[in-house]
Protein backbone atom coordinates (compact mmCIF):
# COMPACT_ATOMS: atom_id res chain seq x y z
CA MET A 1 18.99 10.31 37.10
CA GLN A 2 17.63 10.29 33.55
CA ARG A 3 19.93 8.81 30.93
CA ALA A 4 20.00 10.05 27.35
CA ILE A 5 19.43 7.63 24.51
CA HIS A 6 22.43 5.47 23.75
CA ARG A 7 21.81 4.36 20.17
CA VAL A 8 19.37 4.77 17.31
CA VAL A 9 19.87 2.30 14.48
CA ASP A 10 18.03 3.12 11.25
CA LEU A 11 18.06 0.06 8.97
CA VAL A 12 15.91 1.60 6.21
CA ASP A 13 17.83 1.65 2.93
CA PRO A 14 18.48 5.34 2.07
CA GLN A 15 18.10 4.48 -1.61
CA SER A 16 14.52 3.34 -1.00
CA GLN A 17 13.34 6.87 -0.16
CA HIS A 18 11.52 8.17 -3.21
CA ILE A 19 10.59 11.73 -2.27
CA LEU A 20 9.67 13.85 -5.26
CA ASN A 21 9.97 17.40 -3.92
CA LEU A 22 12.55 17.36 -1.11
CA ASP A 23 15.77 15.66 -0.20
CA PRO A 24 15.36 13.16 2.67
CA GLU A 25 17.20 15.35 5.17
CA ALA A 26 14.86 18.26 4.50
CA ALA A 27 11.95 15.89 5.03
CA ARG A 28 13.41 14.75 8.34
CA GLN A 29 13.68 18.36 9.46
CA ARG A 30 9.94 18.67 8.90
CA LEU A 31 9.37 15.78 11.28
CA LEU A 32 11.48 17.50 13.93
CA ALA A 33 9.73 20.80 13.31
CA VAL A 34 6.39 19.13 14.09
CA GLU A 35 7.83 17.90 17.37
CA ARG A 36 8.86 21.47 18.16
CA GLY A 37 5.37 22.80 17.57
CA ALA A 38 5.05 23.34 13.81
CA ASP A 39 1.84 22.43 11.99
CA PRO A 40 1.87 18.64 11.39
CA ALA A 41 0.33 19.27 7.96
CA ALA A 42 3.83 20.22 6.79
CA VAL A 43 4.60 16.49 6.65
CA ALA A 44 1.75 16.00 4.17
CA GLU A 45 3.74 18.22 1.81
CA VAL A 46 6.45 15.55 1.61
CA HIS A 47 5.44 14.06 -1.73
CA GLY A 48 6.32 10.49 -2.61
CA SER A 49 7.23 7.27 -0.86
CA PHE A 50 9.16 7.51 2.40
CA ALA A 51 9.95 5.81 5.69
CA LEU A 52 11.81 8.39 7.77
CA VAL A 53 13.54 8.53 11.13
CA ALA A 54 14.72 11.85 12.60
CA ARG A 55 16.59 12.35 15.87
CA ASP A 56 17.00 15.36 18.12
CA GLY A 57 18.90 14.36 21.24
CA GLU A 58 16.74 12.03 23.28
CA LYS A 59 13.75 12.46 20.94
CA VAL A 60 13.18 10.34 17.86
CA VAL A 61 10.42 11.09 15.35
CA MET A 62 9.24 8.60 12.71
CA ALA A 63 6.78 8.79 9.82
CA ARG A 64 5.95 6.86 6.66
CA SER A 65 3.80 7.07 3.59
CA LEU A 66 0.78 4.78 3.18
CA ASP A 67 2.44 2.52 0.60
CA ARG A 68 5.13 0.98 2.82
CA PRO A 69 5.77 -0.22 6.38
CA LEU A 70 8.02 1.20 9.10
CA ARG A 71 8.64 -0.69 12.34
CA TYR A 72 10.56 -0.07 15.52
CA PHE A 73 11.77 -2.08 18.49
CA LEU A 74 13.22 -0.88 21.77
CA ALA A 75 15.93 -3.09 23.27
CA LYS A 76 17.55 -2.68 26.66
CA VAL A 77 21.31 -2.66 27.04
CA GLU A 78 23.45 -1.71 30.00
CA SER A 79 24.55 1.62 28.55
CA GLY A 80 21.01 2.77 27.73
CA PRO A 81 18.07 2.08 25.41
CA LEU A 82 18.68 0.83 21.89
CA LEU A 83 16.07 1.80 19.30
CA VAL A 84 16.09 -0.24 16.10
CA VAL A 85 14.00 1.00 13.17
CA ALA A 86 13.42 -1.04 10.01
CA GLU A 87 10.80 -1.92 7.45
CA ARG A 88 10.59 -5.60 8.40
CA MET A 89 10.45 -7.70 11.55
CA ASP A 90 13.19 -10.03 10.34
CA GLU A 91 15.57 -7.12 9.79
CA ILE A 92 15.12 -6.11 13.41
CA ARG A 93 15.51 -9.70 14.59
CA ASP A 94 18.69 -10.24 12.59
CA PHE A 95 20.25 -7.01 13.83
CA LEU A 96 19.52 -7.89 17.44
CA ALA A 97 20.93 -11.38 16.92
CA ALA A 98 24.17 -9.86 15.61
CA GLU A 99 24.30 -7.73 18.76
CA GLY A 100 23.70 -10.74 21.02
CA LEU A 101 20.28 -9.39 21.98
CA ASP A 102 18.05 -11.84 20.15
CA GLY A 103 16.73 -13.13 23.48
CA GLN A 104 14.83 -9.86 23.85
CA PHE A 105 13.15 -10.09 20.46
CA HIS A 106 9.56 -11.07 19.96
CA PRO A 107 7.70 -10.14 16.77
CA THR A 108 4.74 -8.76 18.69
CA TYR A 109 7.04 -6.41 20.56
CA THR A 110 7.75 -4.61 17.28
CA ARG A 111 5.55 -1.59 16.63
CA MET A 112 4.28 -0.33 13.29
CA VAL A 113 4.32 3.41 12.70
CA PRO A 114 0.72 4.12 11.62
CA ALA A 115 0.37 5.87 8.29
CA HIS A 116 -0.55 9.57 8.35
CA HIS A 117 0.97 10.14 11.80
CA THR A 118 4.30 11.08 13.24
CA VAL A 119 5.40 8.95 16.17
CA THR A 120 7.70 10.53 18.76
CA LEU A 121 9.64 8.60 21.38
CA ARG A 122 11.49 10.29 24.21
CA LEU A 123 14.10 7.73 25.12
CA ILE A 124 15.61 8.25 28.53
CA GLY A 125 15.78 4.71 29.90
CA CYS A 126 13.32 2.61 31.87
CA PRO A 127 10.39 2.40 31.81
CA ASP A 128 9.65 2.10 28.10
CA PRO A 129 8.52 5.44 26.67
CA ASN A 130 4.93 6.14 25.74
CA PRO A 131 4.80 7.18 22.07
CA VAL A 132 3.20 10.47 21.10
CA TYR A 133 1.16 10.38 17.88
CA ARG A 134 0.45 13.49 15.82
CA ARG A 135 -1.81 13.26 12.78
CA TRP A 136 -0.36 15.03 9.76
CA PHE A 137 -3.01 14.15 7.19
CA ALA A 138 -6.66 14.90 7.89
CA PRO A 139 -8.50 15.67 4.64
CA PRO A 140 -12.02 17.12 4.93
CA ARG A 141 -14.76 14.55 4.41
CA ALA A 142 -17.86 14.74 2.20
CA THR A 143 -17.29 18.34 1.13
CA GLY A 144 -17.72 17.77 -2.60
CA PRO A 145 -20.88 18.30 -4.65
CA ALA A 146 -23.29 15.45 -5.36
CA ASP A 147 -22.17 15.62 -9.00
CA LEU A 148 -20.51 12.50 -10.39
CA ASP A 149 -18.86 14.36 -13.24
CA ALA A 150 -17.24 16.87 -10.90
CA LEU A 151 -16.27 14.24 -8.35
CA GLY A 152 -14.90 11.85 -10.93
CA GLY A 153 -12.99 14.61 -12.66
CA ALA A 154 -11.37 15.70 -9.38
CA TYR A 155 -10.48 12.16 -8.36
CA VAL A 156 -8.93 11.15 -11.68
CA ALA A 157 -7.19 14.53 -12.02
CA ALA A 158 -5.46 13.82 -8.70
CA LEU A 159 -4.64 10.30 -9.88
CA ASP A 160 -3.28 11.58 -13.17
CA GLY A 161 -1.23 14.24 -11.43
CA GLU A 162 0.47 11.67 -9.21
CA ILE A 163 1.20 9.42 -12.19
CA ARG A 164 2.79 12.28 -14.13
CA ALA A 165 4.85 13.44 -11.14
CA TRP A 166 6.11 9.89 -10.65
CA LEU A 167 6.79 9.47 -14.38
CA ASP A 168 8.98 12.58 -14.32
CA THR A 169 11.36 10.78 -11.95
CA ALA A 170 11.70 7.57 -13.98
CA PRO A 171 14.45 7.23 -16.60
CA ALA A 172 13.14 8.26 -19.99
CA ASP A 173 13.85 4.87 -21.56
CA ALA A 174 12.83 2.65 -18.65
CA PRO A 175 10.15 0.06 -19.42
CA LEU A 176 6.98 0.49 -17.38
CA GLY A 177 4.68 -2.31 -16.30
CA VAL A 178 1.15 -2.27 -14.97
CA ALA A 179 -0.20 -5.19 -12.95
CA PHE A 180 -3.37 -5.37 -14.99
CA SER A 181 -6.62 -7.24 -14.42
CA GLY A 182 -8.85 -5.07 -16.60
CA GLY A 183 -10.60 -3.79 -13.48
CA VAL A 184 -11.43 -0.18 -12.72
CA ASP A 185 -8.30 0.62 -10.71
CA SER A 186 -5.64 -0.95 -12.91
CA GLY A 187 -7.59 0.18 -15.98
CA ALA A 188 -7.60 3.83 -14.93
CA VAL A 189 -3.87 3.63 -14.14
CA LEU A 190 -3.12 2.13 -17.56
CA LEU A 191 -5.12 4.74 -19.47
CA CYS A 192 -3.70 7.67 -17.51
CA LEU A 193 -0.17 6.37 -17.90
CA TYR A 194 -0.70 5.79 -21.63
CA ARG A 195 -2.05 9.32 -22.11
CA ALA A 196 0.81 10.80 -20.08
CA LEU A 197 3.36 9.06 -22.28
CA LEU A 198 1.68 10.35 -25.42
CA ASP A 199 1.56 13.89 -24.05
CA ARG A 200 5.28 13.75 -23.34
CA GLY A 201 6.02 12.53 -26.83
CA ASP A 202 7.28 9.21 -25.45
CA ASN A 203 6.91 5.91 -27.21
CA PRO A 204 4.02 4.05 -25.56
CA SER A 205 5.64 0.75 -26.50
CA ARG A 206 7.69 1.04 -23.29
CA LEU A 207 4.43 0.31 -21.46
CA LYS A 208 3.13 -3.22 -20.83
CA ALA A 209 -0.03 -4.46 -19.14
CA PHE A 210 0.87 -7.72 -17.38
CA THR A 211 -2.05 -10.06 -16.69
CA LEU A 212 -1.55 -13.18 -14.60
CA THR A 213 -3.14 -16.54 -15.34
CA VAL A 214 -2.79 -19.73 -13.32
CA ASP A 215 -2.56 -22.85 -15.49
CA GLY A 216 -3.71 -20.75 -18.45
CA ASP A 217 -7.11 -20.11 -16.90
CA GLY A 218 -8.79 -17.18 -15.19
CA ALA A 219 -11.48 -14.59 -15.75
CA ASP A 220 -9.03 -11.70 -15.55
CA ALA A 221 -7.28 -12.74 -18.75
CA ALA A 222 -10.51 -12.60 -20.77
CA GLN A 223 -11.50 -9.36 -19.06
CA ALA A 224 -8.11 -7.79 -19.79
CA ARG A 225 -8.38 -8.73 -23.45
CA ARG A 226 -11.86 -7.20 -23.69
CA PHE A 227 -10.66 -4.05 -21.97
CA LEU A 228 -7.68 -3.61 -24.26
CA ALA A 229 -9.74 -4.37 -27.37
CA ARG A 230 -12.34 -1.73 -26.45
CA ALA A 231 -9.59 0.78 -25.72
CA GLU A 232 -7.75 -0.21 -28.95
CA LEU A 233 -4.63 -0.94 -26.93
CA GLU A 234 -4.20 -4.66 -27.58
CA MET A 235 -0.51 -4.09 -28.32
CA LEU A 236 0.11 -3.30 -24.65
CA GLY A 237 -1.19 -6.59 -23.27
CA GLU A 238 1.05 -9.42 -22.13
CA GLN A 239 -0.28 -12.55 -20.47
CA VAL A 240 1.90 -14.13 -17.77
CA ASP A 241 1.06 -17.77 -17.08
CA VAL A 242 2.24 -19.69 -14.02
CA PRO A 243 1.44 -23.16 -12.72
CA ALA A 244 -0.74 -23.49 -9.64
CA SER A 245 2.29 -24.87 -7.80
CA ALA A 246 3.85 -21.39 -7.99
CA ILE A 247 1.17 -20.08 -5.62
CA ASP A 248 2.27 -20.78 -2.05
CA PRO A 249 0.41 -19.04 0.77
CA PHE A 250 3.04 -19.98 3.35
CA VAL A 251 5.75 -18.28 1.33
CA ALA A 252 3.45 -15.26 1.33
CA VAL A 253 3.10 -15.38 5.12
CA GLU A 254 6.88 -15.13 5.40
CA LEU A 255 7.01 -12.34 2.84
CA ILE A 256 4.43 -10.11 4.48
CA GLU A 257 5.13 -11.22 8.06
CA ASP A 258 1.37 -11.33 8.58
CA TYR A 259 -1.42 -13.89 8.60
CA LYS A 260 -4.66 -12.20 7.48
CA PRO A 261 -6.09 -14.56 4.84
CA LEU A 262 -7.07 -11.97 2.23
CA ASP A 263 -3.66 -10.33 2.40
CA VAL A 264 -1.90 -13.70 2.30
CA GLU A 265 -3.87 -14.66 -0.81
CA CYS A 266 -3.16 -11.36 -2.54
CA ALA A 267 0.54 -11.49 -1.69
CA ALA A 268 0.86 -15.08 -2.89
CA VAL A 269 -0.65 -14.21 -6.24
CA GLY A 270 1.35 -11.00 -6.51
CA TRP A 271 4.56 -12.87 -5.75
CA ALA A 272 3.81 -15.34 -8.55
CA LEU A 273 3.17 -12.54 -11.04
CA LEU A 274 6.25 -10.52 -10.16
CA SER A 275 8.47 -13.61 -10.01
CA ALA A 276 7.38 -14.56 -13.52
CA ILE A 277 8.01 -11.03 -14.79
CA ARG A 278 11.45 -11.08 -13.18
CA ARG A 279 12.33 -14.35 -14.89
CA ARG A 280 11.11 -13.03 -18.22
CA TYR A 281 12.66 -9.57 -17.87
CA PRO A 282 15.70 -9.68 -15.53
CA GLU A 283 16.31 -5.91 -15.69
CA TRP A 284 12.72 -4.68 -15.32
CA ARG A 285 12.30 -2.26 -12.41
CA PHE A 286 9.14 -0.12 -12.55
CA VAL A 287 5.75 -1.69 -11.88
CA VAL A 288 2.56 0.31 -11.22
CA ASP A 289 -0.55 -1.18 -9.65
CA GLY A 290 -4.03 -0.23 -8.45
CA ASP A 291 -3.60 -1.02 -4.78
CA GLY A 292 -5.65 1.35 -2.64
CA GLY A 293 -8.33 2.07 -5.22
CA ASP A 294 -10.89 -0.13 -3.48
CA GLU A 295 -10.11 1.49 -0.15
CA ASN A 296 -10.48 5.01 -1.53
CA LEU A 297 -13.91 4.40 -3.04
CA LYS A 298 -15.14 2.00 -0.33
CA ASP A 299 -15.57 -0.85 -2.79
CA TYR A 300 -15.54 -3.89 -0.52
CA PRO A 301 -18.47 -6.24 0.14
CA ILE A 302 -19.86 -5.05 3.46
CA GLU A 303 -21.79 -8.30 3.83
CA GLU A 304 -18.55 -10.26 4.34
CA ASN A 305 -17.71 -8.41 7.56
CA PRO A 306 -20.25 -8.64 10.39
CA GLU A 307 -18.59 -5.69 12.13
CA LEU A 308 -19.47 -3.31 9.30
CA THR A 309 -22.63 -1.54 8.23
CA ILE A 310 -23.00 0.76 5.27
CA ARG A 311 -23.51 3.59 7.75
CA SER A 312 -20.15 2.93 9.40
CA VAL A 313 -18.42 2.60 6.03
CA VAL A 314 -19.66 5.84 4.48
CA ASN A 315 -19.46 7.97 7.63
CA ASN A 316 -15.97 7.10 8.92
CA SER A 317 -13.05 9.02 7.52
CA MET A 318 -10.42 6.81 5.85
CA LEU A 319 -11.90 3.68 7.45
CA TYR A 320 -10.47 1.31 4.86
CA GLN A 321 -7.14 3.14 4.62
CA GLU A 322 -6.47 3.18 8.37
CA GLY A 323 -8.81 0.64 9.96
CA TRP A 324 -10.94 0.76 13.08
CA GLY A 325 -9.61 2.50 16.15
CA VAL A 326 -9.25 5.68 18.12
CA ASP A 327 -6.91 8.34 16.75
CA ALA A 328 -3.67 6.61 15.74
CA ILE A 329 -4.34 3.27 17.46
CA LYS A 330 -5.85 1.13 14.73
CA HIS A 331 -6.66 -2.44 15.68
CA SER A 332 -3.08 -3.55 16.35
CA LEU A 333 0.05 -1.85 17.64
CA THR A 334 2.09 -4.52 15.89
CA TYR A 335 0.36 -4.19 12.53
CA SER A 336 -1.66 -0.95 12.41
CA GLY A 337 -4.95 -1.33 10.49
CA GLY A 338 -6.64 -1.13 7.09
CA LEU A 339 -4.40 -0.46 4.09
CA SER A 340 -1.87 0.93 6.55
CA ARG A 341 -1.40 -2.74 7.50
CA SER A 342 -2.18 -4.34 4.16
CA CYS A 343 0.33 -2.29 2.15
CA VAL A 344 2.86 -5.10 2.66
CA ARG A 345 0.83 -7.39 0.38
CA THR A 346 2.21 -5.53 -2.66
CA TRP A 347 5.28 -3.83 -1.17
CA ALA A 348 6.97 -6.96 0.20
CA PRO A 349 6.92 -9.11 -2.98
CA ALA A 350 8.06 -6.17 -5.11
CA ARG A 351 10.86 -5.25 -2.70
CA LYS A 352 12.09 -8.84 -2.47
CA LEU A 353 12.35 -9.11 -6.25
CA GLY A 354 14.04 -5.77 -6.83
CA PHE A 355 11.11 -3.85 -8.31
CA ALA A 356 10.29 -0.22 -7.59
CA PRO A 357 6.52 -0.45 -6.95
CA PHE A 358 4.14 2.48 -7.22
CA SER A 359 0.43 2.92 -6.67
CA PRO A 360 -0.91 6.44 -7.17
CA TYR A 361 -4.01 5.54 -5.15
CA THR A 362 -1.99 5.63 -1.92
CA ARG A 363 -0.87 9.23 -2.38
CA PRO A 364 -2.47 11.83 -0.06
CA ALA A 365 -3.78 13.95 -2.93
CA VAL A 366 -5.74 11.01 -4.33
CA VAL A 367 -7.00 9.92 -0.91
CA ALA A 368 -8.06 13.50 -0.21
CA ALA A 369 -10.01 13.66 -3.49
CA ALA A 370 -11.79 10.44 -2.51
CA GLU A 371 -12.58 11.75 0.98
CA GLN A 372 -14.40 14.73 -0.53
CA ILE A 373 -16.98 12.42 -2.08
CA PRO A 374 -20.33 12.61 -0.20
CA PHE A 375 -20.81 8.84 -0.12
CA ALA A 376 -23.79 8.89 2.25
CA GLU A 377 -25.69 11.38 0.12
CA LEU A 378 -24.92 9.59 -3.14
CA THR A 379 -25.78 6.08 -1.96
CA GLY A 380 -28.74 6.69 0.34
CA GLY A 381 -27.98 3.62 2.44
CA SER A 382 -27.98 1.26 -0.55
CA HIS A 383 -25.22 -1.34 -0.82
CA ASP A 384 -25.83 -1.70 -4.55
CA ALA A 385 -25.55 2.04 -5.08
CA LEU A 386 -22.25 2.10 -3.22
CA TYR A 387 -20.83 -0.80 -5.23
CA ALA A 388 -21.92 0.78 -8.54
CA LEU A 389 -20.52 4.18 -7.64
CA LYS A 390 -16.86 3.47 -8.20
CA GLY A 391 -17.04 2.36 -11.82
CA ASP A 392 -19.40 5.16 -12.81
CA LEU A 393 -17.41 7.87 -11.09
CA VAL A 394 -13.98 6.75 -12.29
CA ALA A 395 -15.14 6.20 -15.87
CA ARG A 396 -16.50 9.76 -15.98
CA GLY A 397 -13.25 11.06 -14.55
CA VAL A 398 -11.03 9.13 -16.97
CA LYS A 399 -13.05 10.45 -19.91
CA ALA A 400 -12.83 14.03 -18.65
CA VAL A 401 -9.10 13.93 -17.88
CA THR A 402 -7.71 11.72 -20.67
CA GLY A 403 -10.41 11.74 -23.33
CA LEU A 404 -10.35 7.93 -23.26
CA ASP A 405 -13.21 5.56 -22.47
CA LEU A 406 -12.74 3.30 -19.45
CA PRO A 407 -14.42 -0.10 -19.88
CA VAL A 408 -16.08 -1.10 -16.60
CA PHE A 409 -16.65 -4.72 -15.57
CA PRO A 410 -18.04 -6.25 -12.36
CA LYS A 411 -15.66 -6.16 -9.41
CA ARG A 412 -13.47 -9.17 -8.72
CA ARG A 413 -10.64 -9.56 -6.23
CA PHE A 414 -7.18 -9.94 -7.80
CA GLN A 415 -6.61 -13.38 -6.30
CA HIS A 416 -9.98 -14.65 -7.50
CA GLY A 417 -9.57 -13.65 -11.13
CA VAL A 418 -6.28 -15.25 -12.05
CA GLY A 419 -7.44 -18.87 -12.21
CA SER A 420 -10.30 -21.29 -11.81
CA ALA A 421 -12.19 -21.90 -8.60
CA GLY A 422 -10.57 -25.32 -8.34
CA TRP A 423 -6.99 -24.08 -8.09
CA PHE A 424 -7.96 -21.45 -5.53
CA ALA A 425 -9.59 -23.97 -3.22
CA GLU A 426 -6.61 -26.27 -3.60
CA ARG A 427 -3.94 -23.67 -2.81
CA PHE A 428 -5.79 -21.68 -0.15
CA GLY A 429 -8.09 -24.32 1.31
CA VAL A 430 -6.49 -24.33 4.76
CA GLU A 431 -7.75 -23.08 8.08
CA PRO A 432 -6.75 -19.42 8.54
CA GLN A 433 -5.18 -20.34 11.89
CA ARG A 434 -2.49 -22.22 9.99
CA TYR A 435 -1.10 -18.93 8.68
CA ARG A 436 -0.68 -17.58 12.18
CA GLU A 437 0.89 -20.85 13.30
CA HIS A 438 3.34 -20.70 10.42
CA LEU A 439 4.41 -17.23 11.44
CA LEU A 440 4.99 -18.59 14.95
CA GLU A 441 7.19 -21.31 13.48
CA VAL A 442 9.21 -18.83 11.45
CA TYR A 443 10.15 -16.85 14.54
CA GLY A 444 10.42 -19.79 16.87
CA ASN A 445 9.17 -17.90 19.91
CA GLY A 446 5.86 -16.90 18.45
CA ALA A 447 3.66 -14.11 17.18
CA ARG A 448 0.39 -13.09 18.76
């Protein structure tokens, strides 16, 4: 005899839902409507940041936005299945421990809801249910013209629209920070946000561009100063200096509950920046960043990954946002793939420190505008052409949308620009396997 689900425990903080156009319950009803046969694209119309769980009897439907994680774990109890949903592994572990069920927990038994999909579980007892994935976001690829002005204008218009929609929800007097390196992504965010404030008649002095330095050194600081000088916005800049000892990759492993070296490095540096801002400004809440901009415009060095070719990069839809895989299964059931996995590198430090993070580059409208770009046609198989495309296209778009000039500098990863080469080698010069081993130690019984 089939047994209906006993319990669903949703540990996601209701206050963390930041949906711009619907209340959370209306958004949950959209998830259930998809399960009942409605067009999954209706979920794409839920604008903002969300991690939602909806229940209809024995069926549970989950979905999240690209900027944040959502995990679930199915425990077995005598009265029926127990489904625990949370944003973090440790939240699930701690809940199960309080229930006397910690012996069932293993971090690799948690499952990440992949971005851009609903996940439906029909919970009726043993055996464990097979999830059903339905894609709700599938933007057309390479449909735009081979015209950089048109493409850049469309991309930055989408970016600007998301920034303005988000700004409408922030308190009118709240200070706004940008994690700022002077690169293309954070630079475009800063200029669009500055223009939006002016257009609203707001005082732009509520805006700050925070640039991290480690031991007072780092190429980003000089780059940020040059950017702001060219844009005549020097008054917005604020340098945040930390000692190299503040950068701890093993703290980052615990924060992101992951072990990929690039994400560990980024999270460690992001934690240092946000911690310093928190000490300096105890009440600061809103921080905007450029996370996702590289993924949208395929601006990663292909040569560093032997699994990639330029053909695979430019011809696979949302490869960097979702990762390799078939349909919803992207590399890892525990972690998902691409930015869908890596979103924790910025989300986790900000959440821990009480910030409300926002990156417009993760919003579907901006991703869709990027997907329209005919990368293969524009780059002709050239790595150099692909790497040059982003700065050219975004600068044209920023000029068209804001009237401001975007200074463009060579690409540099966030974690590489904040200090000298010496400090980086000292703080991150460990075998990558040590990160995975540390995660094993944190949970005691391991993580695969």
